[in-house]
Amino acid sequence: MEDDIGLWKQKEGVFKNKFSTKLTWEMLRSRSEYCEWHRGVWFNYATPKYAFLTWLAIHNRLSTGDRMLSWNGNVNAACSLCDTPIETRNHLFFECRYASIVWKSLVRGIMEDDYTNNWQELVTMLSTSQKTIKVFTLKYVFQATIHCLWLERNGRRHGEAPIPPDKLIRQIDRSVRNRFSSIRLVGSKKMEGGLRYWFSTRQ
């Protein structure tokens, strides 16, 4: 009589006596369609809190006015930045009058003739796999602007004094400069000249 042998299922109808973490994970996981937009969210030298908020925005999971209205019919769904009756993600980033001023000031020197404030066009544009200083800068400014606009929007909804667009622009500009300065300290040759490039786009 033969002893029982423990076997591990590695795929449908195939059992082996060797355990594979990779194959087990492949069997347990739920597969989704490959998404291109991840390149605009997760990339080297991104700031985690900016990237996470951008990820939520891409999934349309931020508590914007239209979403809050679907939870509670009595909520004020207007945009806190420009008083448009219904605040949506696409409106807030960056079709709103206030947000559009901030966005255009920051990226017109980067995007030049390709300038847009349309959410879907931007997400598609940022899905590129190119790893140039220009692409990194646009991705980083995109995330930093989303983060700062969301904080400003929330601050206003909770009664804080509004920040003028030019002051918010300076805050984001400082964040980008700080990021490039910290990258330079790491000694990344690929990003060498990043701060100089950013200065050139701000003229």
N, C-alpha and C. Protein backbone atom coordinates (compact mmCIF):
# COMPACT_ATOMS: atom_id res chain seq x y z
N MET A 1 0.85 -1.19 0.00
CA MET A 1 0.00 0.00 0.00
C MET A 1 0.89 1.25 0.00
N GLU A 2 0.64 2.14 -0.96
CA GLU A 2 1.47 3.34 -1.09
C GLU A 2 1.03 4.41 -0.09
N ASP A 3 2.03 5.18 0.38
CA ASP A 3 1.72 6.29 1.28
C ASP A 3 1.04 7.41 0.51
N ASP A 4 0.19 8.16 1.25
CA ASP A 4 -0.44 9.32 0.64
C ASP A 4 0.62 10.38 0.35
N ILE A 5 0.46 11.06 -0.75
CA ILE A 5 1.40 12.11 -1.14
C ILE A 5 0.65 13.43 -1.25
N GLY A 6 1.18 14.44 -0.59
CA GLY A 6 0.57 15.76 -0.69
C GLY A 6 0.93 16.44 -2.00
N LEU A 7 -0.07 16.88 -2.74
CA LEU A 7 0.16 17.55 -4.01
C LEU A 7 -0.46 18.95 -3.99
N TRP A 8 0.17 19.85 -4.70
CA TRP A 8 -0.33 21.22 -4.78
C TRP A 8 -0.91 21.46 -6.18
N LYS A 9 -2.12 22.02 -6.17
CA LYS A 9 -2.75 22.33 -7.45
C LYS A 9 -2.08 23.58 -8.03
N GLN A 10 -1.56 23.47 -9.27
CA GLN A 10 -0.87 24.61 -9.87
C GLN A 10 -1.66 25.26 -10.99
N LYS A 11 -2.52 24.51 -11.60
CA LYS A 11 -3.52 25.05 -12.52
C LYS A 11 -4.56 23.97 -12.74
N GLU A 12 -5.60 24.29 -13.48
CA GLU A 12 -6.70 23.35 -13.63
C GLU A 12 -6.22 22.00 -14.16
N GLY A 13 -6.42 20.95 -13.32
CA GLY A 13 -6.06 19.59 -13.71
C GLY A 13 -4.60 19.24 -13.55
N VAL A 14 -3.79 20.16 -13.02
CA VAL A 14 -2.35 19.89 -12.86
C VAL A 14 -1.97 19.98 -11.39
N PHE A 15 -1.43 18.89 -10.84
CA PHE A 15 -1.01 18.84 -9.44
C PHE A 15 0.46 18.43 -9.37
N LYS A 16 1.21 19.09 -8.51
CA LYS A 16 2.62 18.75 -8.35
C LYS A 16 2.97 18.75 -6.87
N ASN A 17 4.10 18.10 -6.54
CA ASN A 17 4.48 18.01 -5.12
C ASN A 17 5.32 19.20 -4.66
N LYS A 18 5.49 20.18 -5.55
CA LYS A 18 6.24 21.38 -5.20
C LYS A 18 5.30 22.58 -5.12
N PHE A 19 5.39 23.32 -4.01
CA PHE A 19 4.52 24.49 -3.81
C PHE A 19 5.12 25.71 -4.50
N SER A 20 4.28 26.47 -5.19
CA SER A 20 4.71 27.70 -5.85
C SER A 20 3.82 28.85 -5.39
N THR A 21 4.42 29.81 -4.71
CA THR A 21 3.67 30.98 -4.27
C THR A 21 3.09 31.72 -5.46
N LYS A 22 3.88 31.88 -6.49
CA LYS A 22 3.44 32.62 -7.68
C LYS A 22 2.22 31.97 -8.32
N LEU A 23 2.30 30.66 -8.54
CA LEU A 23 1.19 29.97 -9.20
C LEU A 23 -0.06 29.94 -8.32
N THR A 24 0.14 29.82 -7.01
CA THR A 24 -1.00 29.85 -6.08
C THR A 24 -1.67 31.21 -6.13
N TRP A 25 -0.85 32.27 -6.13
CA TRP A 25 -1.41 33.62 -6.20
C TRP A 25 -2.17 33.82 -7.51
N GLU A 26 -1.62 33.31 -8.62
CA GLU A 26 -2.28 33.45 -9.91
C GLU A 26 -3.64 32.75 -9.92
N MET A 27 -3.75 31.65 -9.18
CA MET A 27 -5.02 30.93 -9.13
C MET A 27 -6.05 31.65 -8.26
N LEU A 28 -5.58 32.33 -7.19
CA LEU A 28 -6.49 32.96 -6.24
C LEU A 28 -6.95 34.35 -6.66
N ARG A 29 -6.10 35.05 -7.38
CA ARG A 29 -6.40 36.45 -7.70
C ARG A 29 -7.51 36.60 -8.71
N SER A 30 -8.19 37.73 -8.67
CA SER A 30 -9.16 38.05 -9.70
C SER A 30 -8.48 38.96 -10.71
N ARG A 31 -8.51 38.58 -11.94
CA ARG A 31 -7.83 39.35 -12.97
C ARG A 31 -8.74 40.46 -13.50
N SER A 32 -8.17 41.63 -13.66
CA SER A 32 -8.89 42.75 -14.26
C SER A 32 -8.20 43.10 -15.57
N GLU A 33 -8.89 43.90 -16.38
CA GLU A 33 -8.28 44.33 -17.63
C GLU A 33 -7.07 45.21 -17.34
N TYR A 34 -6.05 45.08 -18.17
CA TYR A 34 -4.84 45.89 -18.01
C TYR A 34 -5.19 47.36 -18.21
N CYS A 35 -4.75 48.20 -17.29
CA CYS A 35 -5.06 49.62 -17.41
C CYS A 35 -3.78 50.39 -17.71
N GLU A 36 -3.88 51.31 -18.66
CA GLU A 36 -2.73 52.12 -19.05
C GLU A 36 -2.49 53.26 -18.07
N TRP A 37 -3.58 53.72 -17.40
CA TRP A 37 -3.45 54.93 -16.60
C TRP A 37 -2.54 54.77 -15.38
N HIS A 38 -2.17 53.55 -15.04
CA HIS A 38 -1.33 53.36 -13.84
C HIS A 38 0.00 54.12 -13.96
N ARG A 39 0.45 54.33 -15.21
CA ARG A 39 1.72 55.05 -15.40
C ARG A 39 1.63 56.50 -14.95
N GLY A 40 0.42 57.05 -14.96
CA GLY A 40 0.23 58.43 -14.52
C GLY A 40 0.03 58.55 -13.02
N VAL A 41 -0.06 57.40 -12.34
CA VAL A 41 -0.30 57.41 -10.89
C VAL A 41 0.92 56.90 -10.13
N TRP A 42 1.44 55.76 -10.55
CA TRP A 42 2.56 55.13 -9.84
C TRP A 42 3.82 55.25 -10.69
N PHE A 43 4.73 56.08 -10.27
CA PHE A 43 5.99 56.27 -11.01
C PHE A 43 7.08 56.68 -10.04
N ASN A 44 8.31 56.52 -10.44
CA ASN A 44 9.46 56.85 -9.59
C ASN A 44 9.42 58.31 -9.17
N TYR A 45 9.71 58.55 -7.89
CA TYR A 45 9.80 59.88 -7.30
C TYR A 45 8.44 60.57 -7.12
N ALA A 46 7.35 59.83 -7.30
CA ALA A 46 6.04 60.41 -6.98
C ALA A 46 5.93 60.57 -5.47
N THR A 47 5.13 61.52 -5.03
CA THR A 47 4.88 61.69 -3.59
C THR A 47 3.68 60.81 -3.23
N PRO A 48 3.83 59.86 -2.29
CA PRO A 48 2.77 58.89 -2.01
C PRO A 48 1.39 59.48 -1.76
N LYS A 49 1.29 60.54 -0.95
CA LYS A 49 -0.05 61.09 -0.66
C LYS A 49 -0.68 61.73 -1.90
N TYR A 50 0.15 62.27 -2.80
CA TYR A 50 -0.37 62.81 -4.06
C TYR A 50 -0.86 61.67 -4.95
N ALA A 51 -0.04 60.62 -5.04
CA ALA A 51 -0.38 59.48 -5.90
C ALA A 51 -1.65 58.80 -5.43
N PHE A 52 -1.79 58.64 -4.10
CA PHE A 52 -2.98 57.96 -3.57
C PHE A 52 -4.24 58.74 -3.88
N LEU A 53 -4.19 60.06 -3.70
CA LEU A 53 -5.36 60.88 -3.98
C LEU A 53 -5.69 60.86 -5.47
N THR A 54 -4.66 60.85 -6.31
CA THR A 54 -4.89 60.75 -7.76
C THR A 54 -5.53 59.42 -8.11
N TRP A 55 -5.08 58.36 -7.46
CA TRP A 55 -5.68 57.03 -7.68
C TRP A 55 -7.16 57.03 -7.34
N LEU A 56 -7.51 57.66 -6.21
CA LEU A 56 -8.92 57.78 -5.83
C LEU A 56 -9.69 58.58 -6.87
N ALA A 57 -9.09 59.66 -7.34
CA ALA A 57 -9.76 60.52 -8.33
C ALA A 57 -10.00 59.77 -9.63
N ILE A 58 -9.01 59.00 -10.08
CA ILE A 58 -9.17 58.24 -11.33
C ILE A 58 -10.30 57.22 -11.20
N HIS A 59 -10.44 56.65 -10.01
CA HIS A 59 -11.54 55.71 -9.78
C HIS A 59 -12.85 56.44 -9.45
N ASN A 60 -12.81 57.77 -9.44
CA ASN A 60 -13.97 58.60 -9.11
C ASN A 60 -14.54 58.24 -7.74
N ARG A 61 -13.66 58.14 -6.76
CA ARG A 61 -14.07 57.77 -5.41
C ARG A 61 -13.95 58.92 -4.41
N LEU A 62 -13.63 60.11 -4.90
CA LEU A 62 -13.62 61.27 -4.00
C LEU A 62 -15.05 61.73 -3.74
N SER A 63 -15.28 62.27 -2.57
CA SER A 63 -16.65 62.67 -2.20
C SER A 63 -17.00 64.03 -2.80
N THR A 64 -17.04 64.07 -4.14
CA THR A 64 -17.43 65.28 -4.85
C THR A 64 -18.94 65.50 -4.70
N GLY A 65 -19.40 66.70 -5.08
CA GLY A 65 -20.79 67.07 -4.88
C GLY A 65 -21.78 66.09 -5.49
N ASP A 66 -21.53 65.64 -6.71
CA ASP A 66 -22.46 64.72 -7.36
C ASP A 66 -22.57 63.40 -6.61
N ARG A 67 -21.45 62.91 -6.07
CA ARG A 67 -21.48 61.65 -5.33
C ARG A 67 -22.19 61.83 -3.98
N MET A 68 -21.94 62.96 -3.31
CA MET A 68 -22.61 63.21 -2.03
C MET A 68 -24.11 63.36 -2.23
N LEU A 69 -24.49 63.94 -3.37
CA LEU A 69 -25.91 64.11 -3.68
C LEU A 69 -26.60 62.77 -3.84
N SER A 70 -25.88 61.78 -4.36
CA SER A 70 -26.47 60.44 -4.52
C SER A 70 -26.64 59.74 -3.18
N TRP A 71 -25.90 60.18 -2.16
CA TRP A 71 -26.04 59.60 -0.82
C TRP A 71 -27.08 60.34 0.01
N ASN A 72 -27.19 61.65 -0.23
CA ASN A 72 -28.09 62.49 0.58
C ASN A 72 -28.64 63.60 -0.31
N GLY A 73 -29.93 63.55 -0.59
CA GLY A 73 -30.55 64.50 -1.50
C GLY A 73 -30.56 65.94 -1.01
N ASN A 74 -30.28 66.15 0.28
CA ASN A 74 -30.33 67.51 0.84
C ASN A 74 -28.96 68.17 0.94
N VAL A 75 -27.93 67.48 0.48
CA VAL A 75 -26.57 68.03 0.61
C VAL A 75 -26.33 69.14 -0.41
N ASN A 76 -25.45 70.07 -0.06
CA ASN A 76 -25.06 71.12 -0.99
C ASN A 76 -24.04 70.54 -1.97
N ALA A 77 -24.44 70.36 -3.22
CA ALA A 77 -23.59 69.70 -4.21
C ALA A 77 -22.82 70.69 -5.08
N ALA A 78 -22.91 71.98 -4.76
CA ALA A 78 -22.25 72.99 -5.58
C ALA A 78 -20.73 72.94 -5.40
N CYS A 79 -20.02 73.41 -6.43
CA CYS A 79 -18.56 73.49 -6.36
C CYS A 79 -18.17 74.56 -5.35
N SER A 80 -17.32 74.22 -4.43
CA SER A 80 -16.89 75.16 -3.40
C SER A 80 -15.92 76.21 -3.94
N LEU A 81 -15.37 75.96 -5.12
CA LEU A 81 -14.38 76.87 -5.68
C LEU A 81 -14.99 77.91 -6.61
N CYS A 82 -16.11 77.57 -7.28
CA CYS A 82 -16.68 78.51 -8.25
C CYS A 82 -18.21 78.58 -8.20
N ASP A 83 -18.83 77.82 -7.30
CA ASP A 83 -20.29 77.84 -7.11
C ASP A 83 -21.10 77.24 -8.26
N THR A 84 -20.46 76.50 -9.16
CA THR A 84 -21.22 75.76 -10.17
C THR A 84 -22.16 74.80 -9.45
N PRO A 85 -23.43 74.70 -9.88
CA PRO A 85 -24.45 73.94 -9.12
C PRO A 85 -24.07 72.49 -8.77
N ILE A 86 -23.44 71.77 -9.69
CA ILE A 86 -23.08 70.38 -9.42
C ILE A 86 -21.57 70.21 -9.60
N GLU A 87 -20.93 69.80 -8.52
CA GLU A 87 -19.49 69.57 -8.55
C GLU A 87 -19.22 68.12 -8.91
N THR A 88 -18.53 67.91 -10.02
CA THR A 88 -18.12 66.56 -10.42
C THR A 88 -16.59 66.50 -10.40
N ARG A 89 -16.07 65.31 -10.52
CA ARG A 89 -14.61 65.16 -10.57
C ARG A 89 -14.04 65.90 -11.77
N ASN A 90 -14.64 65.71 -12.95
CA ASN A 90 -14.12 66.34 -14.16
C ASN A 90 -14.22 67.86 -14.09
N HIS A 91 -15.24 68.35 -13.40
CA HIS A 91 -15.37 69.80 -13.23
C HIS A 91 -14.26 70.32 -12.32
N LEU A 92 -14.07 69.64 -11.20
CA LEU A 92 -13.10 70.10 -10.21
C LEU A 92 -11.68 70.03 -10.75
N PHE A 93 -11.40 69.03 -11.59
CA PHE A 93 -10.07 68.83 -12.18
C PHE A 93 -10.17 68.78 -13.72
N PHE A 94 -10.06 69.87 -14.46
CA PHE A 94 -9.73 71.22 -14.06
C PHE A 94 -10.58 72.21 -14.85
N GLU A 95 -11.88 71.92 -14.96
CA GLU A 95 -12.76 72.78 -15.75
C GLU A 95 -13.32 73.94 -14.94
N CYS A 96 -13.33 73.82 -13.63
CA CYS A 96 -13.76 74.89 -12.73
C CYS A 96 -12.93 76.14 -13.01
N ARG A 97 -13.57 77.32 -12.94
CA ARG A 97 -12.86 78.57 -13.24
C ARG A 97 -11.61 78.74 -12.38
N TYR A 98 -11.75 78.50 -11.09
CA TYR A 98 -10.63 78.63 -10.16
C TYR A 98 -9.55 77.61 -10.50
N ALA A 99 -9.94 76.34 -10.63
CA ALA A 99 -8.98 75.26 -10.89
C ALA A 99 -8.29 75.45 -12.24
N SER A 100 -9.03 75.96 -13.22
CA SER A 100 -8.48 76.16 -14.55
C SER A 100 -7.37 77.21 -14.54
N ILE A 101 -7.57 78.27 -13.74
CA ILE A 101 -6.54 79.31 -13.61
C ILE A 101 -5.26 78.71 -13.04
N VAL A 102 -5.42 77.91 -11.98
CA VAL A 102 -4.27 77.28 -11.32
C VAL A 102 -3.56 76.33 -12.28
N TRP A 103 -4.32 75.46 -12.91
CA TRP A 103 -3.76 74.44 -13.80
C TRP A 103 -3.03 75.07 -14.98
N LYS A 104 -3.67 76.04 -15.63
CA LYS A 104 -3.08 76.65 -16.81
C LYS A 104 -1.78 77.37 -16.47
N SER A 105 -1.76 78.06 -15.35
CA SER A 105 -0.56 78.78 -14.94
C SER A 105 0.62 77.83 -14.73
N LEU A 106 0.33 76.64 -14.22
CA LEU A 106 1.39 75.69 -13.88
C LEU A 106 1.90 74.89 -15.08
N VAL A 107 1.02 74.57 -16.03
CA VAL A 107 1.43 73.61 -17.07
C VAL A 107 1.48 74.17 -18.49
N ARG A 108 1.07 75.41 -18.70
CA ARG A 108 1.08 75.91 -20.08
C ARG A 108 2.48 75.89 -20.68
N GLY A 109 3.51 76.11 -19.85
CA GLY A 109 4.88 76.07 -20.34
C GLY A 109 5.37 74.66 -20.62
N ILE A 110 4.73 73.67 -20.01
CA ILE A 110 5.11 72.27 -20.25
C ILE A 110 4.35 71.72 -21.46
N MET A 111 3.04 71.96 -21.50
CA MET A 111 2.19 71.35 -22.52
C MET A 111 2.22 72.12 -23.84
N GLU A 112 2.45 73.41 -23.76
CA GLU A 112 2.51 74.27 -24.94
C GLU A 112 1.26 74.09 -25.82
N ASP A 113 1.43 73.68 -27.08
CA ASP A 113 0.29 73.56 -27.99
C ASP A 113 -0.64 72.40 -27.64
N ASP A 114 -0.19 71.49 -26.78
CA ASP A 114 -1.03 70.35 -26.39
C ASP A 114 -1.85 70.64 -25.13
N TYR A 115 -1.86 71.91 -24.71
CA TYR A 115 -2.56 72.25 -23.46
C TYR A 115 -4.03 71.81 -23.49
N THR A 116 -4.46 71.22 -22.39
CA THR A 116 -5.86 70.86 -22.19
C THR A 116 -6.16 70.84 -20.70
N ASN A 117 -7.41 71.08 -20.36
CA ASN A 117 -7.84 70.92 -18.97
C ASN A 117 -8.93 69.85 -18.88
N ASN A 118 -9.05 69.04 -19.93
CA ASN A 118 -10.03 67.95 -19.97
C ASN A 118 -9.47 66.72 -19.25
N TRP A 119 -10.21 66.23 -18.27
CA TRP A 119 -9.74 65.13 -17.43
C TRP A 119 -9.33 63.91 -18.24
N GLN A 120 -10.22 63.43 -19.12
CA GLN A 120 -9.94 62.20 -19.84
C GLN A 120 -8.75 62.34 -20.77
N GLU A 121 -8.63 63.50 -21.41
CA GLU A 121 -7.49 63.73 -22.28
C GLU A 121 -6.19 63.73 -21.49
N LEU A 122 -6.23 64.30 -20.30
CA LEU A 122 -5.04 64.35 -19.45
C LEU A 122 -4.64 62.96 -18.98
N VAL A 123 -5.61 62.17 -18.54
CA VAL A 123 -5.31 60.81 -18.07
C VAL A 123 -4.70 59.99 -19.21
N THR A 124 -5.26 60.13 -20.41
CA THR A 124 -4.71 59.42 -21.57
C THR A 124 -3.28 59.89 -21.87
N MET A 125 -3.08 61.19 -21.81
CA MET A 125 -1.76 61.76 -22.10
C MET A 125 -0.72 61.29 -21.08
N LEU A 126 -1.13 61.17 -19.82
CA LEU A 126 -0.20 60.80 -18.76
C LEU A 126 0.04 59.29 -18.68
N SER A 127 -0.65 58.54 -19.52
CA SER A 127 -0.47 57.08 -19.53
C SER A 127 0.75 56.66 -20.34
N THR A 128 1.48 57.62 -20.88
CA THR A 128 2.65 57.30 -21.70
C THR A 128 3.73 56.61 -20.86
N SER A 129 4.49 55.77 -21.51
CA SER A 129 5.58 55.07 -20.83
C SER A 129 6.90 55.83 -20.94
N GLN A 130 6.87 56.98 -21.63
CA GLN A 130 8.11 57.75 -21.78
C GLN A 130 8.62 58.23 -20.43
N LYS A 131 9.92 58.14 -20.24
CA LYS A 131 10.51 58.54 -18.96
C LYS A 131 11.45 59.72 -19.19
N THR A 132 10.85 60.86 -19.51
CA THR A 132 11.63 62.06 -19.74
C THR A 132 11.33 63.05 -18.60
N ILE A 133 12.17 64.06 -18.49
CA ILE A 133 11.95 65.08 -17.45
C ILE A 133 10.61 65.79 -17.69
N LYS A 134 10.29 66.04 -18.95
CA LYS A 134 9.03 66.72 -19.28
C LYS A 134 7.83 65.90 -18.82
N VAL A 135 7.84 64.60 -19.13
CA VAL A 135 6.72 63.73 -18.74
C VAL A 135 6.62 63.63 -17.23
N PHE A 136 7.77 63.43 -16.56
CA PHE A 136 7.75 63.37 -15.10
C PHE A 136 7.18 64.65 -14.51
N THR A 137 7.62 65.80 -15.01
CA THR A 137 7.16 67.08 -14.47
C THR A 137 5.66 67.23 -14.62
N LEU A 138 5.14 66.88 -15.79
CA LEU A 138 3.69 67.00 -16.01
C LEU A 138 2.93 66.07 -15.08
N LYS A 139 3.41 64.84 -14.92
CA LYS A 139 2.74 63.89 -14.02
C LYS A 139 2.77 64.40 -12.58
N TYR A 140 3.92 64.92 -12.18
CA TYR A 140 4.05 65.37 -10.80
C TYR A 140 3.18 66.59 -10.53
N VAL A 141 3.17 67.54 -11.47
CA VAL A 141 2.33 68.74 -11.30
C VAL A 141 0.86 68.35 -11.29
N PHE A 142 0.48 67.40 -12.14
CA PHE A 142 -0.90 66.89 -12.18
C PHE A 142 -1.32 66.40 -10.80
N GLN A 143 -0.48 65.59 -10.17
CA GLN A 143 -0.82 65.04 -8.86
C GLN A 143 -0.79 66.10 -7.76
N ALA A 144 0.22 66.96 -7.80
CA ALA A 144 0.33 68.01 -6.78
C ALA A 144 -0.86 68.97 -6.85
N THR A 145 -1.31 69.27 -8.08
CA THR A 145 -2.43 70.19 -8.25
C THR A 145 -3.73 69.56 -7.77
N ILE A 146 -3.92 68.28 -8.08
CA ILE A 146 -5.11 67.57 -7.58
C ILE A 146 -5.14 67.62 -6.07
N HIS A 147 -4.01 67.34 -5.45
CA HIS A 147 -3.92 67.32 -3.99
C HIS A 147 -4.24 68.68 -3.39
N CYS A 148 -3.63 69.74 -3.91
CA CYS A 148 -3.84 71.08 -3.35
C CYS A 148 -5.25 71.59 -3.61
N LEU A 149 -5.80 71.32 -4.78
CA LEU A 149 -7.18 71.74 -5.07
C LEU A 149 -8.16 71.02 -4.15
N TRP A 150 -7.90 69.75 -3.90
CA TRP A 150 -8.80 68.98 -3.02
C TRP A 150 -8.74 69.51 -1.59
N LEU A 151 -7.55 69.85 -1.11
CA LEU A 151 -7.42 70.42 0.22
C LEU A 151 -8.12 71.78 0.30
N GLU A 152 -7.95 72.60 -0.74
CA GLU A 152 -8.60 73.91 -0.77
C GLU A 152 -10.12 73.76 -0.80
N ARG A 153 -10.58 72.83 -1.61
CA ARG A 153 -12.03 72.57 -1.70
C ARG A 153 -12.59 72.14 -0.36
N ASN A 154 -11.91 71.22 0.32
CA ASN A 154 -12.37 70.75 1.62
C ASN A 154 -12.31 71.84 2.68
N GLY A 155 -11.24 72.65 2.62
CA GLY A 155 -11.12 73.74 3.56
C GLY A 155 -12.28 74.71 3.46
N ARG A 156 -12.65 75.05 2.25
CA ARG A 156 -13.78 75.97 2.05
C ARG A 156 -15.10 75.36 2.52
N ARG A 157 -15.26 74.08 2.29
CA ARG A 157 -16.51 73.43 2.74
C ARG A 157 -16.61 73.40 4.26
N HIS A 158 -15.47 73.51 4.93
CA HIS A 158 -15.47 73.49 6.40
C HIS A 158 -15.25 74.88 6.99
N GLY A 159 -15.50 75.91 6.17
CA GLY A 159 -15.51 77.27 6.69
C GLY A 159 -14.18 78.00 6.73
N GLU A 160 -13.14 77.43 6.16
CA GLU A 160 -11.84 78.12 6.17
C GLU A 160 -11.83 79.23 5.11
N ALA A 161 -10.99 80.24 5.34
CA ALA A 161 -10.89 81.36 4.40
C ALA A 161 -10.33 80.86 3.07
N PRO A 162 -10.91 81.32 1.96
CA PRO A 162 -10.42 80.88 0.64
C PRO A 162 -9.02 81.39 0.34
N ILE A 163 -8.25 80.57 -0.34
CA ILE A 163 -6.90 80.95 -0.77
C ILE A 163 -6.99 81.43 -2.22
N PRO A 164 -6.47 82.61 -2.54
CA PRO A 164 -6.51 83.09 -3.93
C PRO A 164 -5.72 82.17 -4.85
N PRO A 165 -6.09 82.11 -6.13
CA PRO A 165 -5.39 81.21 -7.07
C PRO A 165 -3.89 81.42 -7.11
N ASP A 166 -3.44 82.69 -7.08
CA ASP A 166 -2.01 82.93 -7.20
C ASP A 166 -1.22 82.38 -6.02
N LYS A 167 -1.84 82.39 -4.84
CA LYS A 167 -1.17 81.82 -3.66
C LYS A 167 -1.09 80.30 -3.76
N LEU A 168 -2.17 79.67 -4.25
CA LEU A 168 -2.15 78.22 -4.42
C LEU A 168 -1.12 77.82 -5.47
N ILE A 169 -1.02 78.62 -6.52
CA ILE A 169 -0.03 78.36 -7.57
C ILE A 169 1.37 78.39 -6.98
N ARG A 170 1.64 79.34 -6.11
CA ARG A 170 2.97 79.43 -5.47
C ARG A 170 3.23 78.22 -4.57
N GLN A 171 2.19 77.75 -3.89
CA GLN A 171 2.35 76.57 -3.03
C GLN A 171 2.74 75.34 -3.86
N ILE A 172 2.05 75.15 -4.97
CA ILE A 172 2.33 74.00 -5.82
C ILE A 172 3.70 74.13 -6.47
N ASP A 173 4.02 75.34 -6.91
CA ASP A 173 5.34 75.61 -7.48
C ASP A 173 6.44 75.26 -6.49
N ARG A 174 6.24 75.61 -5.23
CA ARG A 174 7.22 75.29 -4.19
C ARG A 174 7.33 73.79 -3.98
N SER A 175 6.21 73.09 -4.05
CA SER A 175 6.22 71.62 -3.90
C SER A 175 7.03 70.96 -5.01
N VAL A 176 6.86 71.46 -6.23
CA VAL A 176 7.60 70.89 -7.36
C VAL A 176 9.09 71.17 -7.21
N ARG A 177 9.44 72.40 -6.80
CA ARG A 177 10.85 72.74 -6.59
C ARG A 177 11.47 71.85 -5.51
N ASN A 178 10.73 71.66 -4.43
CA ASN A 178 11.23 70.82 -3.34
C ASN A 178 11.45 69.38 -3.80
N ARG A 179 10.54 68.89 -4.64
CA ARG A 179 10.68 67.52 -5.14
C ARG A 179 11.93 67.38 -5.99
N PHE A 180 12.14 68.31 -6.89
CA PHE A 180 13.32 68.25 -7.74
C PHE A 180 14.60 68.40 -6.91
N SER A 181 14.54 69.24 -5.89
CA SER A 181 15.72 69.41 -5.02
C SER A 181 16.05 68.12 -4.29
N SER A 182 15.02 67.42 -3.81
CA SER A 182 15.25 66.16 -3.10
C SER A 182 15.74 65.08 -4.04
N ILE A 183 15.26 65.08 -5.28
CA ILE A 183 15.73 64.11 -6.28
C ILE A 183 17.20 64.36 -6.59
N ARG A 184 17.57 65.63 -6.66
CA ARG A 184 18.97 65.97 -6.95
C ARG A 184 19.90 65.46 -5.85
N LEU A 185 19.42 65.49 -4.61
CA LEU A 185 20.22 64.99 -3.49
C LEU A 185 20.46 63.49 -3.59
N VAL A 186 19.49 62.78 -4.17
CA VAL A 186 19.63 61.33 -4.36
C VAL A 186 20.68 61.04 -5.42
N GLY A 187 20.85 61.97 -6.35
CA GLY A 187 21.87 61.80 -7.39
C GLY A 187 21.39 61.07 -8.61
N SER A 188 20.09 61.22 -8.95
CA SER A 188 19.55 60.55 -10.14
C SER A 188 20.03 61.26 -11.40
N LYS A 189 20.77 60.55 -12.25
CA LYS A 189 21.28 61.15 -13.48
C LYS A 189 20.16 61.38 -14.48
N LYS A 190 19.13 60.51 -14.46
CA LYS A 190 18.01 60.66 -15.40
C LYS A 190 17.24 61.95 -15.16
N MET A 191 17.20 62.38 -13.90
CA MET A 191 16.44 63.57 -13.56
C MET A 191 17.32 64.81 -13.40
N GLU A 192 18.58 64.67 -13.78
CA GLU A 192 19.50 65.81 -13.69
C GLU A 192 19.00 66.92 -14.61
N GLY A 193 18.95 68.10 -14.12
CA GLY A 193 18.44 69.21 -14.92
C GLY A 193 16.95 69.43 -14.76
N GLY A 194 16.30 68.65 -13.89
CA GLY A 194 14.86 68.77 -13.69
C GLY A 194 14.44 70.13 -13.15
N LEU A 195 15.19 70.61 -12.17
CA LEU A 195 14.86 71.90 -11.57
C LEU A 195 15.05 73.02 -12.59
N ARG A 196 16.09 72.92 -13.38
CA ARG A 196 16.35 73.91 -14.43
C ARG A 196 15.21 73.90 -15.47
N TYR A 197 14.75 72.68 -15.81
CA TYR A 197 13.65 72.57 -16.77
C TYR A 197 12.38 73.22 -16.19
N TRP A 198 12.10 72.96 -14.92
CA TRP A 198 10.90 73.54 -14.28
C TRP A 198 10.97 75.06 -14.31
N PHE A 199 12.12 75.62 -13.98
CA PHE A 199 12.28 77.08 -14.02
C PHE A 199 12.01 77.61 -15.43
N SER A 200 12.46 76.87 -16.44
CA SER A 200 12.30 77.34 -17.82
C SER A 200 10.83 77.37 -18.24
N THR A 201 10.01 76.51 -17.65
CA THR A 201 8.58 76.47 -18.01
C THR A 201 7.77 77.53 -17.28
N ARG A 202 8.36 78.14 -16.26
CA ARG A 202 7.63 79.11 -15.44
C ARG A 202 7.77 80.53 -15.93
N GLN A 203 8.46 80.74 -17.05
CA GLN A 203 8.68 82.10 -17.54
C GLN A 203 7.56 82.55 -18.46
